[in-house]
Amino acid sequence: MVTGTCLNSFGDKWHERFDALLASITLRRPWPPVRDAVAAEPLQEAVPEAAAPDYGLALSQDGTLQVLASVEALSEQVPAREVEAGMWKFYDGDGRALEVRWDMPKSRGLMRRPSPTHYRLASATEASGLGPLQHRLALVERVVGELQSAAQLQLHLQRRATSSVSESRLPGDRHA
């Protein structure tokens, strides 16, 4: 650990070993793997014609799902330190995974690698391996924010799926 605090006393070889040591350390339990099957049966309630809101969703390792008014509100509400520690997974209003993109500070200070202080959320690529929220619904123990229960969450996701299917069938849509 001395190589991390006395930068000038050690060469690049030792800094590389220190970085490898830090990369090998896991302080939190890992996320369970994403299941291939859909987690639950869709709700049998009627879906109203009004479009469902485009919430931002954040799932913590303790099973709490934060439902906020937008994806942008997530990066303002969830602390960067907890995101950096891997304690949160993010999703858009349709349940699609979002990736964290870090805005790095300009000055490096005394530390070799400065800790990022702000992040943005962007659509995840398929190569990232992040599955949709529907595959992690079994991990949700409580829902807080704009929605109050797992049943409301499932209904919201069902409405979003229904509205996206009907939107893709609009006349004049070039993608349909």
Protein backbone atom coordinates (compact mmCIF):
# COMPACT_ATOMS: atom_id res chain seq x y z
CA MET A 1 0.00 0.00 0.00
CA VAL A 2 3.00 2.27 0.33
CA THR A 3 3.21 2.62 -3.48
CA GLY A 4 -0.19 4.32 -3.48
CA THR A 5 0.88 6.99 -1.01
CA CYS A 6 4.53 7.63 -1.91
CA LEU A 7 4.39 8.05 -5.68
CA ASN A 8 7.91 9.40 -6.21
CA SER A 9 9.61 6.58 -4.28
CA PHE A 10 8.61 3.78 -6.66
CA GLY A 11 9.06 3.10 -10.38
CA ASP A 12 6.45 2.30 -13.01
CA LYS A 13 6.86 -1.46 -12.46
CA TRP A 14 5.69 -1.11 -8.85
CA HIS A 15 2.87 1.27 -9.80
CA GLU A 16 1.63 -1.33 -12.31
CA ARG A 17 1.69 -4.03 -9.61
CA PHE A 18 -0.15 -1.75 -7.22
CA ASP A 19 -2.80 -0.99 -9.87
CA ALA A 20 -3.19 -4.74 -10.54
CA LEU A 21 -3.57 -5.38 -6.81
CA LEU A 22 -6.25 -2.70 -6.51
CA ALA A 23 -8.09 -4.06 -9.55
CA SER A 24 -8.15 -7.55 -8.01
CA ILE A 25 -9.86 -6.42 -4.79
CA THR A 26 -13.65 -6.79 -4.51
CA LEU A 27 -15.18 -5.14 -1.48
CA ARG A 28 -18.85 -5.83 -2.21
CA ARG A 29 -20.69 -9.01 -3.00
CA PRO A 30 -21.10 -9.47 -6.77
CA TRP A 31 -24.41 -9.03 -8.54
CA PRO A 32 -26.28 -12.26 -9.24
CA PRO A 33 -26.18 -13.35 -12.88
CA VAL A 34 -28.90 -12.17 -15.24
CA ARG A 35 -31.50 -14.87 -15.90
CA ASP A 36 -32.43 -15.73 -19.47
CA ALA A 37 -36.13 -16.19 -18.76
CA VAL A 38 -38.59 -13.41 -17.99
CA ALA A 39 -38.92 -13.09 -14.20
CA ALA A 40 -42.68 -12.96 -13.82
CA GLU A 41 -45.95 -13.41 -15.63
CA PRO A 42 -47.39 -10.15 -17.01
CA LEU A 43 -50.21 -8.64 -15.00
CA GLN A 44 -53.71 -9.37 -16.29
CA GLU A 45 -55.04 -5.84 -15.67
CA ALA A 46 -56.32 -3.74 -18.55
CA VAL A 47 -53.75 -1.31 -19.93
CA PRO A 48 -55.16 2.21 -20.36
CA GLU A 49 -54.62 4.10 -23.62
CA ALA A 50 -52.54 6.87 -21.99
CA ALA A 51 -48.80 6.43 -22.44
CA ALA A 52 -46.85 5.42 -19.34
CA PRO A 53 -44.32 7.98 -18.01
CA ASP A 54 -40.64 7.65 -18.94
CA TYR A 55 -39.18 7.02 -15.48
CA GLY A 56 -35.55 6.49 -14.54
CA LEU A 57 -34.98 3.31 -12.53
CA ALA A 58 -32.06 2.44 -10.23
CA LEU A 59 -31.71 -0.94 -8.50
CA SER A 60 -29.41 -1.17 -5.48
CA GLN A 61 -27.72 -4.31 -4.21
CA ASP A 62 -29.95 -4.29 -1.13
CA GLY A 63 -33.02 -4.77 -3.36
CA THR A 64 -34.32 -1.19 -3.30
CA LEU A 65 -35.59 0.10 -6.64
CA GLN A 66 -35.58 3.91 -6.88
CA VAL A 67 -38.13 5.18 -9.41
CA LEU A 68 -37.52 8.81 -10.36
CA ALA A 69 -39.21 11.14 -12.83
CA SER A 70 -36.42 10.83 -15.44
CA VAL A 71 -33.09 9.19 -16.21
CA GLU A 72 -31.39 12.57 -15.66
CA ALA A 73 -32.77 12.69 -12.12
CA LEU A 74 -30.97 9.44 -11.31
CA SER A 75 -27.49 10.92 -11.73
CA GLU A 76 -28.49 13.79 -9.45
CA GLN A 77 -30.01 11.55 -6.76
CA VAL A 78 -27.72 8.49 -6.55
CA PRO A 79 -24.31 9.32 -5.00
CA ALA A 80 -21.32 8.89 -7.33
CA ARG A 81 -19.34 7.11 -4.61
CA GLU A 82 -21.98 4.36 -4.39
CA VAL A 83 -22.15 4.08 -8.19
CA GLU A 84 -18.36 3.78 -8.40
CA ALA A 85 -18.49 0.99 -5.79
CA GLY A 86 -20.87 -0.97 -8.05
CA MET A 87 -23.85 -0.75 -5.68
CA TRP A 88 -26.38 0.33 -8.36
CA LYS A 89 -27.69 -0.84 -11.74
CA PHE A 90 -29.59 1.68 -13.89
CA TYR A 91 -32.49 1.28 -16.34
CA ASP A 92 -34.62 3.54 -18.52
CA GLY A 93 -38.43 3.70 -18.37
CA ASP A 94 -38.72 0.63 -20.62
CA GLY A 95 -36.48 -1.44 -18.35
CA ARG A 96 -33.47 -1.34 -20.73
CA ALA A 97 -30.07 -1.26 -19.02
CA LEU A 98 -28.09 1.98 -18.87
CA GLU A 99 -24.30 2.29 -18.66
CA VAL A 100 -22.45 4.71 -16.41
CA ARG A 101 -20.17 7.21 -18.20
CA TRP A 102 -17.83 9.06 -15.84
CA ASP A 103 -16.85 12.72 -16.11
CA MET A 104 -13.28 12.75 -14.79
CA PRO A 105 -11.99 15.70 -12.74
CA LYS A 106 -9.40 17.90 -14.47
CA SER A 107 -6.75 17.94 -11.71
CA ARG A 108 -5.10 14.73 -10.55
CA GLY A 109 -4.00 15.96 -7.11
CA LEU A 110 -1.85 13.68 -4.94
CA MET A 111 -3.59 10.47 -5.91
CA ARG A 112 -2.49 8.58 -9.01
CA ARG A 113 -6.10 8.03 -10.15
CA PRO A 114 -8.61 10.66 -9.12
CA SER A 115 -12.03 9.44 -8.11
CA PRO A 116 -14.78 10.57 -10.49
CA THR A 117 -17.32 12.89 -8.96
CA HIS A 118 -20.04 13.05 -11.62
CA TYR A 119 -21.50 10.58 -14.07
CA ARG A 120 -23.97 10.39 -16.94
CA LEU A 121 -26.19 7.50 -17.94
CA ALA A 122 -26.32 6.25 -21.53
CA SER A 123 -27.96 3.32 -23.30
CA ALA A 124 -26.02 0.12 -22.75
CA THR A 125 -24.60 -1.75 -25.69
CA GLU A 126 -25.38 -5.44 -26.13
CA ALA A 127 -21.69 -6.22 -25.61
CA SER A 128 -21.85 -4.80 -22.08
CA GLY A 129 -23.72 -7.88 -20.83
CA LEU A 130 -26.20 -5.79 -18.86
CA GLY A 131 -29.62 -7.40 -19.08
CA PRO A 132 -32.98 -5.65 -18.86
CA LEU A 133 -34.68 -4.93 -15.56
CA GLN A 134 -37.29 -7.61 -16.31
CA HIS A 135 -34.51 -10.20 -15.74
CA ARG A 136 -33.77 -8.78 -12.28
CA LEU A 137 -37.31 -8.31 -10.95
CA ALA A 138 -36.81 -11.15 -8.48
CA LEU A 139 -34.11 -9.02 -6.77
CA VAL A 140 -36.51 -6.13 -6.10
CA GLU A 141 -37.49 -6.17 -2.43
CA ARG A 142 -39.02 -2.69 -2.21
CA VAL A 143 -39.93 0.10 -4.60
CA VAL A 144 -39.59 3.78 -3.63
CA GLY A 145 -40.23 7.02 -5.46
CA GLU A 146 -42.75 7.55 -8.24
CA LEU A 147 -44.04 3.96 -7.94
CA GLN A 148 -44.77 2.25 -4.64
CA SER A 149 -44.84 -1.51 -5.30
CA ALA A 150 -43.47 -4.28 -7.48
CA ALA A 151 -46.97 -4.75 -8.93
CA GLN A 152 -47.05 -1.09 -10.03
CA LEU A 153 -43.57 -1.54 -11.53
CA GLN A 154 -44.67 -4.60 -13.52
CA LEU A 155 -47.76 -2.77 -14.74
CA HIS A 156 -45.62 0.23 -15.76
CA LEU A 157 -43.21 -2.00 -17.73
CA GLN A 158 -46.15 -3.75 -19.38
CA ARG A 159 -47.66 -0.37 -20.39
CA ARG A 160 -44.33 0.81 -21.79
CA ALA A 161 -43.96 -2.39 -23.80
CA THR A 162 -47.51 -2.05 -25.13
CA SER A 163 -47.05 1.62 -26.05
CA SER A 164 -43.72 0.94 -27.80
CA VAL A 165 -45.34 -1.84 -29.86
CA SER A 166 -48.26 0.40 -30.88
CA GLU A 167 -45.88 3.31 -31.66
CA SER A 168 -43.83 1.09 -33.96
CA ARG A 169 -46.98 0.32 -35.99
CA LEU A 170 -47.98 3.91 -36.70
CA PRO A 171 -48.68 4.73 -40.38
CA GLY A 172 -45.70 6.27 -42.10
CA ASP A 173 -43.22 4.70 -39.67
CA ARG A 174 -40.14 3.80 -41.71
CA HIS A 175 -38.86 1.27 -39.17
CA ALA A 176 -41.92 -0.97 -39.11
